[in-house]
Amino acid sequence: MDPRQMRRMMKQMGIESEEIEGVEEVIIRAADKEYVIAGAQVTRMNVKGQATVFQVVGEPEERAKGSGTPGKPAIPIEDIRLVAEKAGVSEEEARKALEECNGEPAEAIIKLMSR
């Protein structure tokens, strides 16, 4: 089905949609991690004036919750798990070491193992 037909059908069903331009990133915060989608394509849909639905398209990067705030590097959850495993410490200790080492896994592992 071509996009024009799709828009026409959606309008008949009471669904209005618009592309949100200029999106830099979308952040979804869960209890223990964040999903960051840089350069996401976002569409806002209004269903019969009652509900607003956002459709986000892009590749997410998974990182620890709270990382990537101003002054702190964004630390992917995979790096935290790697440092924790290699240094034999908890994920919390690994995250702190990564923050102190500006997100460098090798440096964080060496720091933790040299204690």
PDB file of N, CA and C in Angstrom:
ATOM      1  N   MET A   1       0.849  -1.168   0.000  1.00  0.00           N
ATOM      2  CA  MET A   1       0.000   0.000   0.000  1.00  0.00           C
ATOM      3  C   MET A   1       0.901   1.239   0.000  1.00  0.00           C
ATOM      4  N   ASP A   2       0.573   2.193  -0.850  1.00  0.00           N
ATOM      5  CA  ASP A   2       1.427   3.377  -0.905  1.00  0.00           C
ATOM      6  C   ASP A   2       1.096   4.331   0.251  1.00  0.00           C
ATOM      7  N   PRO A   3       2.032   5.200   0.625  1.00  0.00           N
ATOM      8  CA  PRO A   3       1.848   6.082   1.791  1.00  0.00           C
ATOM      9  C   PRO A   3       0.614   6.978   1.701  1.00  0.00           C
ATOM     10  N   ARG A   4       0.271   7.419   0.502  1.00  0.00           N
ATOM     11  CA  ARG A   4      -0.901   8.284   0.335  1.00  0.00           C
ATOM     12  C   ARG A   4      -2.182   7.537   0.708  1.00  0.00           C
ATOM     13  N   GLN A   5      -2.313   6.297   0.241  1.00  0.00           N
ATOM     14  CA  GLN A   5      -3.487   5.484   0.584  1.00  0.00           C
ATOM     15  C   GLN A   5      -3.533   5.220   2.088  1.00  0.00           C
ATOM     16  N   MET A   6      -2.376   4.962   2.675  1.00  0.00           N
ATOM     17  CA  MET A   6      -2.309   4.701   4.102  1.00  0.00           C
ATOM     18  C   MET A   6      -2.781   5.917   4.895  1.00  0.00           C
ATOM     19  N   ARG A   7      -2.315   7.124   4.517  1.00  0.00           N
ATOM     20  CA  ARG A   7      -2.752   8.346   5.203  1.00  0.00           C
ATOM     21  C   ARG A   7      -4.252   8.552   5.062  1.00  0.00           C
ATOM     22  N   ARG A   8      -4.778   8.278   3.882  1.00  0.00           N
ATOM     23  CA  ARG A   8      -6.220   8.434   3.636  1.00  0.00           C
ATOM     24  C   ARG A   8      -7.024   7.483   4.523  1.00  0.00           C
ATOM     25  N   MET A   9      -6.587   6.232   4.621  1.00  0.00           N
ATOM     26  CA  MET A   9      -7.284   5.251   5.461  1.00  0.00           C
ATOM     27  C   MET A   9      -7.208   5.646   6.937  1.00  0.00           C
ATOM     28  N   MET A  10      -6.052   6.116   7.354  1.00  0.00           N
ATOM     29  CA  MET A  10      -5.899   6.517   8.749  1.00  0.00           C
ATOM     30  C   MET A  10      -6.805   7.703   9.069  1.00  0.00           C
ATOM     31  N   LYS A  11      -6.912   8.646   8.148  1.00  0.00           N
ATOM     32  CA  LYS A  11      -7.771   9.809   8.356  1.00  0.00           C
ATOM     33  C   LYS A  11      -9.231   9.379   8.452  1.00  0.00           C
ATOM     34  N   GLN A  12      -9.653   8.407   7.630  1.00  0.00           N
ATOM     35  CA  GLN A  12     -11.031   7.898   7.684  1.00  0.00           C
ATOM     36  C   GLN A  12     -11.309   7.242   9.036  1.00  0.00           C
ATOM     37  N   MET A  13     -10.285   6.656   9.651  1.00  0.00           N
ATOM     38  CA  MET A  13     -10.453   5.995  10.945  1.00  0.00           C
ATOM     39  C   MET A  13     -10.272   6.981  12.108  1.00  0.00           C
ATOM     40  N   GLY A  14     -10.034   8.245  11.795  1.00  0.00           N
ATOM     41  CA  GLY A  14      -9.887   9.246  12.842  1.00  0.00           C
ATOM     42  C   GLY A  14      -8.490   9.326  13.426  1.00  0.00           C
ATOM     43  N   ILE A  15      -7.504   8.871  12.669  1.00  0.00           N
ATOM     44  CA  ILE A  15      -6.116   8.895  13.143  1.00  0.00           C
ATOM     45  C   ILE A  15      -5.352   9.948  12.341  1.00  0.00           C
ATOM     46  N   GLU A  16      -4.831  10.937  13.058  1.00  0.00           N
ATOM     47  CA  GLU A  16      -4.004  11.956  12.414  1.00  0.00           C
ATOM     48  C   GLU A  16      -2.555  11.682  12.779  1.00  0.00           C
ATOM     49  N   SER A  17      -1.646  11.847  11.810  1.00  0.00           N
ATOM     50  CA  SER A  17      -0.234  11.608  12.118  1.00  0.00           C
ATOM     51  C   SER A  17       0.624  12.713  11.527  1.00  0.00           C
ATOM     52  N   GLU A  18       1.735  12.958  12.206  1.00  0.00           N
ATOM     53  CA  GLU A  18       2.696  13.941  11.707  1.00  0.00           C
ATOM     54  C   GLU A  18       4.097  13.499  12.082  1.00  0.00           C
ATOM     55  N   GLU A  19       5.024  13.730  11.184  1.00  0.00           N
ATOM     56  CA  GLU A  19       6.440  13.440  11.415  1.00  0.00           C
ATOM     57  C   GLU A  19       7.004  14.585  12.245  1.00  0.00           C
ATOM     58  N   ILE A  20       7.741  14.263  13.308  1.00  0.00           N
ATOM     59  CA  ILE A  20       8.374  15.287  14.129  1.00  0.00           C
ATOM     60  C   ILE A  20       9.775  15.502  13.561  1.00  0.00           C
ATOM     61  N   GLU A  21      10.025  16.716  13.104  1.00  0.00           N
ATOM     62  CA  GLU A  21      11.295  17.033  12.443  1.00  0.00           C
ATOM     63  C   GLU A  21      12.359  17.437  13.461  1.00  0.00           C
ATOM     64  N   GLY A  22      13.605  17.199  13.115  1.00  0.00           N
ATOM     65  CA  GLY A  22      14.737  17.671  13.904  1.00  0.00           C
ATOM     66  C   GLY A  22      14.995  16.920  15.199  1.00  0.00           C
ATOM     67  N   VAL A  23      14.536  15.681  15.313  1.00  0.00           N
ATOM     68  CA  VAL A  23      14.761  14.910  16.538  1.00  0.00           C
ATOM     69  C   VAL A  23      16.240  14.542  16.624  1.00  0.00           C
ATOM     70  N   GLU A  24      16.872  14.892  17.740  1.00  0.00           N
ATOM     71  CA  GLU A  24      18.284  14.564  17.936  1.00  0.00           C
ATOM     72  C   GLU A  24      18.458  13.208  18.596  1.00  0.00           C
ATOM     73  N   GLU A  25      17.667  12.939  19.648  1.00  0.00           N
ATOM     74  CA  GLU A  25      17.713  11.638  20.292  1.00  0.00           C
ATOM     75  C   GLU A  25      16.454  11.426  21.113  1.00  0.00           C
ATOM     76  N   VAL A  26      16.151  10.152  21.341  1.00  0.00           N
ATOM     77  CA  VAL A  26      15.031   9.763  22.189  1.00  0.00           C
ATOM     78  C   VAL A  26      15.611   8.909  23.301  1.00  0.00           C
ATOM     79  N   ILE A  27      15.223   9.209  24.551  1.00  0.00           N
ATOM     80  CA  ILE A  27      15.719   8.443  25.695  1.00  0.00           C
ATOM     81  C   ILE A  27      14.529   7.793  26.396  1.00  0.00           C
ATOM     82  N   ILE A  28      14.601   6.489  26.559  1.00  0.00           N
ATOM     83  CA  ILE A  28      13.579   5.745  27.301  1.00  0.00           C
ATOM     84  C   ILE A  28      14.239   5.253  28.576  1.00  0.00           C
ATOM     85  N   ARG A  29      13.732   5.708  29.721  1.00  0.00           N
ATOM     86  CA  ARG A  29      14.320   5.334  31.007  1.00  0.00           C
ATOM     87  C   ARG A  29      13.506   4.232  31.653  1.00  0.00           C
ATOM     88  N   ALA A  30      14.157   3.098  31.896  1.00  0.00           N
ATOM     89  CA  ALA A  30      13.551   1.982  32.619  1.00  0.00           C
ATOM     90  C   ALA A  30      14.087   2.018  34.051  1.00  0.00           C
ATOM     91  N   ALA A  31      13.702   1.058  34.865  1.00  0.00           N
ATOM     92  CA  ALA A  31      14.103   1.040  36.273  1.00  0.00           C
ATOM     93  C   ALA A  31      15.615   1.009  36.455  1.00  0.00           C
ATOM     94  N   ASP A  32      16.319   0.229  35.624  1.00  0.00           N
ATOM     95  CA  ASP A  32      17.755   0.074  35.838  1.00  0.00           C
ATOM     96  C   ASP A  32      18.627   0.425  34.643  1.00  0.00           C
ATOM     97  N   LYS A  33      18.020   0.835  33.532  1.00  0.00           N
ATOM     98  CA  LYS A  33      18.826   1.187  32.367  1.00  0.00           C
ATOM     99  C   LYS A  33      18.085   2.184  31.490  1.00  0.00           C
ATOM    100  N   GLU A  34      18.787   2.704  30.505  1.00  0.00           N
ATOM    101  CA  GLU A  34      18.216   3.644  29.560  1.00  0.00           C
ATOM    102  C   GLU A  34      18.453   3.128  28.145  1.00  0.00           C
ATOM    103  N   TYR A  35      17.531   3.444  27.271  1.00  0.00           N
ATOM    104  CA  TYR A  35      17.684   3.146  25.852  1.00  0.00           C
ATOM    105  C   TYR A  35      17.778   4.492  25.155  1.00  0.00           C
ATOM    106  N   VAL A  36      18.883   4.739  24.467  1.00  0.00           N
ATOM    107  CA  VAL A  36      19.092   6.008  23.788  1.00  0.00           C
ATOM    108  C   VAL A  36      19.084   5.741  22.293  1.00  0.00           C
ATOM    109  N   ILE A  37      18.203   6.437  21.589  1.00  0.00           N
ATOM    110  CA  ILE A  37      18.081   6.264  20.145  1.00  0.00           C
ATOM    111  C   ILE A  37      18.470   7.596  19.508  1.00  0.00           C
ATOM    112  N   ALA A  38      19.715   7.669  19.011  1.00  0.00           N
ATOM    113  CA  ALA A  38      20.215   8.896  18.385  1.00  0.00           C
ATOM    114  C   ALA A  38      19.692   8.975  16.959  1.00  0.00           C
ATOM    115  N   GLY A  39      19.316  10.169  16.543  1.00  0.00           N
ATOM    116  CA  GLY A  39      18.838  10.375  15.174  1.00  0.00           C
ATOM    117  C   GLY A  39      17.568   9.610  14.867  1.00  0.00           C
ATOM    118  N   ALA A  40      16.712   9.445  15.855  1.00  0.00           N
ATOM    119  CA  ALA A  40      15.486   8.664  15.683  1.00  0.00           C
ATOM    120  C   ALA A  40      14.510   9.353  14.732  1.00  0.00           C
ATOM    121  N   GLN A  41      13.720   8.549  14.068  1.00  0.00           N
ATOM    122  CA  GLN A  41      12.628   9.042  13.240  1.00  0.00           C
ATOM    123  C   GLN A  41      11.370   8.885  14.091  1.00  0.00           C
ATOM    124  N   VAL A  42      10.697   9.993  14.401  1.00  0.00           N
ATOM    125  CA  VAL A  42       9.563   9.964  15.316  1.00  0.00           C
ATOM    126  C   VAL A  42       8.299  10.462  14.613  1.00  0.00           C
ATOM    127  N   THR A  43       7.220   9.694  14.779  1.00  0.00           N
ATOM    128  CA  THR A  43       5.915  10.069  14.249  1.00  0.00           C
ATOM    129  C   THR A  43       4.934  10.142  15.411  1.00  0.00           C
ATOM    130  N   ARG A  44       4.178  11.247  15.469  1.00  0.00           N
ATOM    131  CA  ARG A  44       3.161  11.408  16.502  1.00  0.00           C
ATOM    132  C   ARG A  44       1.815  11.150  15.852  1.00  0.00           C
ATOM    133  N   MET A  45       1.019  10.272  16.483  1.00  0.00           N
ATOM    134  CA  MET A  45      -0.317   9.944  15.975  1.00  0.00           C
ATOM    135  C   MET A  45      -1.346  10.272  17.037  1.00  0.00           C
ATOM    136  N   ASN A  46      -2.407  10.945  16.621  1.00  0.00           N
ATOM    137  CA  ASN A  46      -3.510  11.292  17.507  1.00  0.00           C
ATOM    138  C   ASN A  46      -4.699  10.439  17.087  1.00  0.00           C
ATOM    139  N   VAL A  47      -5.205   9.614  17.987  1.00  0.00           N
ATOM    140  CA  VAL A  47      -6.285   8.682  17.679  1.00  0.00           C
ATOM    141  C   VAL A  47      -7.602   9.265  18.177  1.00  0.00           C
ATOM    142  N   LYS A  48      -8.404   9.733  17.251  1.00  0.00           N
ATOM    143  CA  LYS A  48      -9.740  10.288  17.529  1.00  0.00           C
ATOM    144  C   LYS A  48      -9.736  11.303  18.665  1.00  0.00           C
ATOM    145  N   GLY A  49      -8.662  12.089  18.756  1.00  0.00           N
ATOM    146  CA  GLY A  49      -8.576  13.129  19.761  1.00  0.00           C
ATOM    147  C   GLY A  49      -8.461  12.633  21.191  1.00  0.00           C
ATOM    148  N   GLN A  50      -8.321  11.334  21.398  1.00  0.00           N
ATOM    149  CA  GLN A  50      -8.305  10.785  22.749  1.00  0.00           C
ATOM    150  C   GLN A  50      -6.930  10.331  23.211  1.00  0.00           C
ATOM    151  N   ALA A  51      -6.168   9.725  22.343  1.00  0.00           N
ATOM    152  CA  ALA A  51      -4.869   9.172  22.732  1.00  0.00           C
ATOM    153  C   ALA A  51      -3.799   9.661  21.766  1.00  0.00           C
ATOM    154  N   THR A  52      -2.620   9.909  22.308  1.00  0.00           N
ATOM    155  CA  THR A  52      -1.479  10.267  21.476  1.00  0.00           C
ATOM    156  C   THR A  52      -0.494   9.113  21.518  1.00  0.00           C
ATOM    157  N   VAL A  53      -0.069   8.672  20.342  1.00  0.00           N
ATOM    158  CA  VAL A  53       0.859   7.554  20.216  1.00  0.00           C
ATOM    159  C   VAL A  53       2.103   8.062  19.491  1.00  0.00           C
ATOM    160  N   PHE A  54       3.273   7.718  20.023  1.00  0.00           N
ATOM    161  CA  PHE A  54       4.523   8.073  19.373  1.00  0.00           C
ATOM    162  C   PHE A  54       5.159   6.809  18.819  1.00  0.00           C
ATOM    163  N   GLN A  55       5.557   6.863  17.558  1.00  0.00           N
ATOM    164  CA  GLN A  55       6.266   5.747  16.926  1.00  0.00           C
ATOM    165  C   GLN A  55       7.710   6.198  16.752  1.00  0.00           C
ATOM    166  N   VAL A  56       8.654   5.427  17.308  1.00  0.00           N
ATOM    167  CA  VAL A  56      10.071   5.763  17.258  1.00  0.00           C
ATOM    168  C   VAL A  56      10.791   4.684  16.461  1.00  0.00           C
ATOM    169  N   VAL A  57      11.558   5.125  15.451  1.00  0.00           N
ATOM    170  CA  VAL A  57      12.306   4.185  14.623  1.00  0.00           C
ATOM    171  C   VAL A  57      13.784   4.547  14.693  1.00  0.00           C
ATOM    172  N   GLY A  58      14.634   3.562  15.018  1.00  0.00           N
ATOM    173  CA  GLY A  58      16.069   3.779  15.089  1.00  0.00           C
ATOM    174  C   GLY A  58      16.729   2.672  15.873  1.00  0.00           C
ATOM    175  N   GLU A  59      18.064   2.686  15.919  1.00  0.00           N
ATOM    176  CA  GLU A  59      18.839   1.676  16.636  1.00  0.00           C
ATOM    177  C   GLU A  59      19.132   2.163  18.051  1.00  0.00           C
ATOM    178  N   PRO A  60      18.642   1.458  19.075  1.00  0.00           N
ATOM    179  CA  PRO A  60      18.895   1.914  20.439  1.00  0.00           C
ATOM    180  C   PRO A  60      20.268   1.497  20.956  1.00  0.00           C
ATOM    181  N   GLU A  61      20.823   2.345  21.821  1.00  0.00           N
ATOM    182  CA  GLU A  61      22.035   2.005  22.567  1.00  0.00           C
ATOM    183  C   GLU A  61      21.573   1.822  24.011  1.00  0.00           C
ATOM    184  N   GLU A  62      21.933   0.718  24.600  1.00  0.00           N
ATOM    185  CA  GLU A  62      21.538   0.436  25.979  1.00  0.00           C
ATOM    186  C   GLU A  62      22.656   0.908  26.899  1.00  0.00           C
ATOM    187  N   ARG A  63      22.297   1.664  27.959  1.00  0.00           N
ATOM    188  CA  ARG A  63      23.307   2.118  28.910  1.00  0.00           C
ATOM    189  C   ARG A  63      22.726   2.139  30.315  1.00  0.00           C
ATOM    190  N   ALA A  64      23.607   2.218  31.285  1.00  0.00           N
ATOM    191  CA  ALA A  64      23.177   2.242  32.685  1.00  0.00           C
ATOM    192  C   ALA A  64      22.368   3.493  32.950  1.00  0.00           C
ATOM    193  N   LYS A  65      21.370   3.362  33.801  1.00  0.00           N
ATOM    194  CA  LYS A  65      20.538   4.509  34.131  1.00  0.00           C
ATOM    195  C   LYS A  65      21.378   5.560  34.836  1.00  0.00           C
ATOM    196  N   GLY A  66      21.178   6.803  34.428  1.00  0.00           N
ATOM    197  CA  GLY A  66      21.897   7.905  35.053  1.00  0.00           C
ATOM    198  C   GLY A  66      23.228   8.224  34.417  1.00  0.00           C
ATOM    199  N   SER A  67      23.730   7.375  33.532  1.00  0.00           N
ATOM    200  CA  SER A  67      24.989   7.704  32.869  1.00  0.00           C
ATOM    201  C   SER A  67      24.668   8.627  31.702  1.00  0.00           C
ATOM    202  N   GLY A  68      25.629   9.395  31.296  1.00  0.00           N
ATOM    203  CA  GLY A  68      25.415  10.298  30.182  1.00  0.00           C
ATOM    204  C   GLY A  68      24.835  11.635  30.590  1.00  0.00           C
ATOM    205  N   THR A  69      24.758  11.901  31.888  1.00  0.00           N
ATOM    206  CA  THR A  69      24.290  13.197  32.330  1.00  0.00           C
ATOM    207  C   THR A  69      25.416  14.203  32.135  1.00  0.00           C
ATOM    208  N   PRO A  70      25.122  15.509  32.130  1.00  0.00           N
ATOM    209  CA  PRO A  70      26.181  16.499  31.908  1.00  0.00           C
ATOM    210  C   PRO A  70      27.350  16.291  32.875  1.00  0.00           C
ATOM    211  N   GLY A  71      28.564  16.285  32.322  1.00  0.00           N
ATOM    212  CA  GLY A  71      29.752  16.089  33.137  1.00  0.00           C
ATOM    213  C   GLY A  71      30.150  14.639  33.310  1.00  0.00           C
ATOM    214  N   LYS A  72      29.282  13.716  32.900  1.00  0.00           N
ATOM    215  CA  LYS A  72      29.588  12.290  33.006  1.00  0.00           C
ATOM    216  C   LYS A  72      29.503  11.658  31.617  1.00  0.00           C
ATOM    217  N   PRO A  73      30.375  10.697  31.309  1.00  0.00           N
ATOM    218  CA  PRO A  73      30.276  10.040  30.006  1.00  0.00           C
ATOM    219  C   PRO A  73      29.102   9.065  29.970  1.00  0.00           C
ATOM    220  N   ALA A  74      28.574   8.825  28.787  1.00  0.00           N
ATOM    221  CA  ALA A  74      27.531   7.807  28.615  1.00  0.00           C
ATOM    222  C   ALA A  74      28.217   6.451  28.657  1.00  0.00           C
ATOM    223  N   ILE A  75      27.768   5.573  29.541  1.00  0.00           N
ATOM    224  CA  ILE A  75      28.434   4.282  29.718  1.00  0.00           C
ATOM    225  C   ILE A  75      27.484   3.165  29.306  1.00  0.00           C
ATOM    226  N   PRO A  76      27.785   2.484  28.210  1.00  0.00           N
ATOM    227  CA  PRO A  76      26.936   1.375  27.778  1.00  0.00           C
ATOM    228  C   PRO A  76      26.916   0.259  28.820  1.00  0.00           C
ATOM    229  N   ILE A  77      25.773  -0.360  29.004  1.00  0.00           N
ATOM    230  CA  ILE A  77      25.607  -1.443  29.986  1.00  0.00           C
ATOM    231  C   ILE A  77      26.562  -2.597  29.683  1.00  0.00           C
ATOM    232  N   GLU A  78      26.872  -2.803  28.391  1.00  0.00           N
ATOM    233  CA  GLU A  78      27.789  -3.882  28.016  1.00  0.00           C
ATOM    234  C   GLU A  78      29.178  -3.636  28.611  1.00  0.00           C
ATOM    235  N   ASP A  79      29.629  -2.362  28.623  1.00  0.00           N
ATOM    236  CA  ASP A  79      30.932  -2.039  29.198  1.00  0.00           C
ATOM    237  C   ASP A  79      30.941  -2.289  30.705  1.00  0.00           C
ATOM    238  N   ILE A  80      29.835  -1.930  31.367  1.00  0.00           N
ATOM    239  CA  ILE A  80      29.742  -2.159  32.811  1.00  0.00           C
ATOM    240  C   ILE A  80      29.833  -3.642  33.122  1.00  0.00           C
ATOM    241  N   ARG A  81      29.112  -4.446  32.356  1.00  0.00           N
ATOM    242  CA  ARG A  81      29.130  -5.903  32.584  1.00  0.00           C
ATOM    243  C   ARG A  81      30.506  -6.492  32.305  1.00  0.00           C
ATOM    244  N   LEU A  82      31.170  -6.001  31.259  1.00  0.00           N
ATOM    245  CA  LEU A  82      32.513  -6.481  30.912  1.00  0.00           C
ATOM    246  C   LEU A  82      33.491  -6.178  32.045  1.00  0.00           C
ATOM    247  N   VAL A  83      33.503  -4.928  32.522  1.00  0.00           N
ATOM    248  CA  VAL A  83      34.419  -4.539  33.596  1.00  0.00           C
ATOM    249  C   VAL A  83      34.122  -5.327  34.861  1.00  0.00           C
ATOM    250  N   ALA A  84      32.845  -5.474  35.197  1.00  0.00           N
ATOM    251  CA  ALA A  84      32.467  -6.225  36.406  1.00  0.00           C
ATOM    252  C   ALA A  84      32.959  -7.662  36.322  1.00  0.00           C
ATOM    253  N   GLU A  85      32.788  -8.286  35.160  1.00  0.00           N
ATOM    254  CA  GLU A  85      33.198  -9.684  34.979  1.00  0.00           C
ATOM    255  C   GLU A  85      34.722  -9.834  35.045  1.00  0.00           C
ATOM    256  N   LYS A  86      35.425  -9.000  34.311  1.00  0.00           N
ATOM    257  CA  LYS A  86      36.882  -9.126  34.234  1.00  0.00           C
ATOM    258  C   LYS A  86      37.580  -8.759  35.543  1.00  0.00           C
ATOM    259  N   ALA A  87      37.024  -7.784  36.274  1.00  0.00           N
ATOM    260  CA  ALA A  87      37.657  -7.344  37.518  1.00  0.00           C
ATOM    261  C   ALA A  87      37.097  -8.068  38.739  1.00  0.00           C
ATOM    262  N   GLY A  88      36.027  -8.847  38.543  1.00  0.00           N
ATOM    263  CA  GLY A  88      35.442  -9.593  39.651  1.00  0.00           C
ATOM    264  C   GLY A  88      34.782  -8.704  40.689  1.00  0.00           C
ATOM    265  N   VAL A  89      34.081  -7.661  40.226  1.00  0.00           N
ATOM    266  CA  VAL A  89      33.404  -6.732  41.133  1.00  0.00           C
ATOM    267  C   VAL A  89      31.929  -6.626  40.744  1.00  0.00           C
ATOM    268  N   SER A  90      31.158  -5.915  41.567  1.00  0.00           N
ATOM    269  CA  SER A  90      29.739  -5.717  41.254  1.00  0.00           C
ATOM    270  C   SER A  90      29.596  -4.729  40.095  1.00  0.00           C
ATOM    271  N   GLU A  91      28.414  -4.719  39.489  1.00  0.00           N
ATOM    272  CA  GLU A  91      28.167  -3.790  38.388  1.00  0.00           C
ATOM    273  C   GLU A  91      28.206  -2.345  38.872  1.00  0.00           C
ATOM    274  N   GLU A  92      27.794  -2.104  40.108  1.00  0.00           N
ATOM    275  CA  GLU A  92      27.836  -0.751  40.671  1.00  0.00           C
ATOM    276  C   GLU A  92      29.284  -0.269  40.795  1.00  0.00           C
ATOM    277  N   GLU A  93      30.172  -1.143  41.293  1.00  0.00           N
ATOM    278  CA  GLU A  93      31.588  -0.779  41.403  1.00  0.00           C
ATOM    279  C   GLU A  93      32.186  -0.550  40.020  1.00  0.00           C
ATOM    280  N   ALA A  94      31.807  -1.401  39.071  1.00  0.00           N
ATOM    281  CA  ALA A  94      32.310  -1.263  37.706  1.00  0.00           C
ATOM    282  C   ALA A  94      31.857   0.065  37.101  1.00  0.00           C
ATOM    283  N   ARG A  95      30.596   0.446  37.333  1.00  0.00           N
ATOM    284  CA  ARG A  95      30.076   1.715  36.800  1.00  0.00           C
ATOM    285  C   ARG A  95      30.852   2.898  37.385  1.00  0.00           C
ATOM    286  N   LYS A  96      31.086   2.870  38.697  1.00  0.00           N
ATOM    287  CA  LYS A  96      31.839   3.957  39.341  1.00  0.00           C
ATOM    288  C   LYS A  96      33.250   4.061  38.767  1.00  0.00           C
ATOM    289  N   ALA A  97      33.906   2.912  38.579  1.00  0.00           N
ATOM    290  CA  ALA A  97      35.263   2.915  38.023  1.00  0.00           C
ATOM    291  C   ALA A  97      35.257   3.455  36.596  1.00  0.00           C
ATOM    292  N   LEU A  98      34.263   3.067  35.804  1.00  0.00           N
ATOM    293  CA  LEU A  98      34.166   3.570  34.434  1.00  0.00           C
ATOM    294  C   LEU A  98      33.943   5.081  34.417  1.00  0.00           C
ATOM    295  N   GLU A  99      33.117   5.585  35.329  1.00  0.00           N
ATOM    296  CA  GLU A  99      32.894   7.030  35.403  1.00  0.00           C
ATOM    297  C   GLU A  99      34.197   7.752  35.746  1.00  0.00           C
ATOM    298  N   GLU A 100      34.972   7.193  36.680  1.00  0.00           N
ATOM    299  CA  GLU A 100      36.245   7.803  37.073  1.00  0.00           C
ATOM    300  C   GLU A 100      37.273   7.743  35.954  1.00  0.00           C
ATOM    301  N   CYS A 101      37.139   6.760  35.075  1.00  0.00           N
ATOM    302  CA  CYS A 101      38.098   6.573  33.977  1.00  0.00           C
ATOM    303  C   CYS A 101      37.540   7.072  32.642  1.00  0.00           C
ATOM    304  N   ASN A 102      36.563   7.964  32.700  1.00  0.00           N
ATOM    305  CA  ASN A 102      35.960   8.555  31.496  1.00  0.00           C
ATOM    306  C   ASN A 102      35.436   7.524  30.503  1.00  0.00           C
ATOM    307  N   GLY A 103      34.888   6.435  31.024  1.00  0.00           N
ATOM    308  CA  GLY A 103      34.254   5.436  30.178  1.00  0.00           C
ATOM    309  C   GLY A 103      35.198   4.466  29.501  1.00  0.00           C
ATOM    310  N   GLU A 104      36.470   4.450  29.889  1.00  0.00           N
ATOM    311  CA  GLU A 104      37.456   3.558  29.269  1.00  0.00           C
ATOM    312  C   GLU A 104      37.487   2.208  30.000  1.00  0.00           C
ATOM    313  N   PRO A 105      36.954   1.134  29.390  1.00  0.00           N
ATOM    314  CA  PRO A 105      36.892  -0.167  30.062  1.00  0.00           C
ATOM    315  C   PRO A 105      38.253  -0.714  30.496  1.00  0.00           C
ATOM    316  N   ALA A 106      39.250  -0.644  29.625  1.00  0.00           N
ATOM    317  CA  ALA A 106      40.563  -1.212  29.959  1.00  0.00           C
ATOM    318  C   ALA A 106      41.154  -0.500  31.171  1.00  0.00           C
ATOM    319  N   GLU A 107      41.070   0.806  31.190  1.00  0.00           N
ATOM    320  CA  GLU A 107      41.597   1.603  32.297  1.00  0.00           C
ATOM    321  C   GLU A 107      40.851   1.277  33.600  1.00  0.00           C
ATOM    322  N   ALA A 108      39.531   1.101  33.501  1.00  0.00           N
ATOM    323  CA  ALA A 108      38.730   0.784  34.676  1.00  0.00           C
ATOM    324  C   ALA A 108      39.096  -0.596  35.229  1.00  0.00           C
ATOM    325  N   ILE A 109      39.302  -1.572  34.352  1.00  0.00           N
ATOM    326  CA  ILE A 109      39.676  -2.929  34.776  1.00  0.00           C
ATOM    327  C   ILE A 109      41.020  -2.888  35.496  1.00  0.00           C
ATOM    328  N   ILE A 110      41.990  -2.184  34.922  1.00  0.00           N
ATOM    329  CA  ILE A 110      43.319  -2.091  35.529  1.00  0.00           C
ATOM    330  C   ILE A 110      43.221  -1.421  36.894  1.00  0.00           C
ATOM    331  N   LYS A 111      42.447  -0.362  36.976  1.00  0.00           N
ATOM    332  CA  LYS A 111      42.288   0.354  38.248  1.00  0.00           C
ATOM    333  C   LYS A 111      41.694  -0.550  39.315  1.00  0.00           C
ATOM    334  N   LEU A 112      40.639  -1.292  38.957  1.00  0.00           N
ATOM    335  CA  LEU A 112      39.973  -2.170  39.926  1.00  0.00           C
ATOM    336  C   LEU A 112      40.865  -3.338  40.338  1.00  0.00           C
ATOM    337  N   MET A 113      41.635  -3.878  39.406  1.00  0.00           N
ATOM    338  CA  MET A 113      42.471  -5.031  39.713  1.00  0.00           C
ATOM    339  C   MET A 113      43.734  -4.640  40.481  1.00  0.00           C
ATOM    340  N   SER A 114      44.134  -3.376  40.422  1.00  0.00           N
ATOM    341  CA  SER A 114      45.343  -2.960  41.117  1.00  0.00           C
ATOM    342  C   SER A 114      45.088  -2.550  42.565  1.00  0.00           C
ATOM    343  N   ARG A 115      43.857  -2.662  43.016  1.00  0.00           N
ATOM    344  CA  ARG A 115      43.546  -2.332  44.414  1.00  0.00           C
ATOM    345  C   ARG A 115      44.023  -3.405  45.337  1.00  0.00           C
TER     346      ARG A 115
END
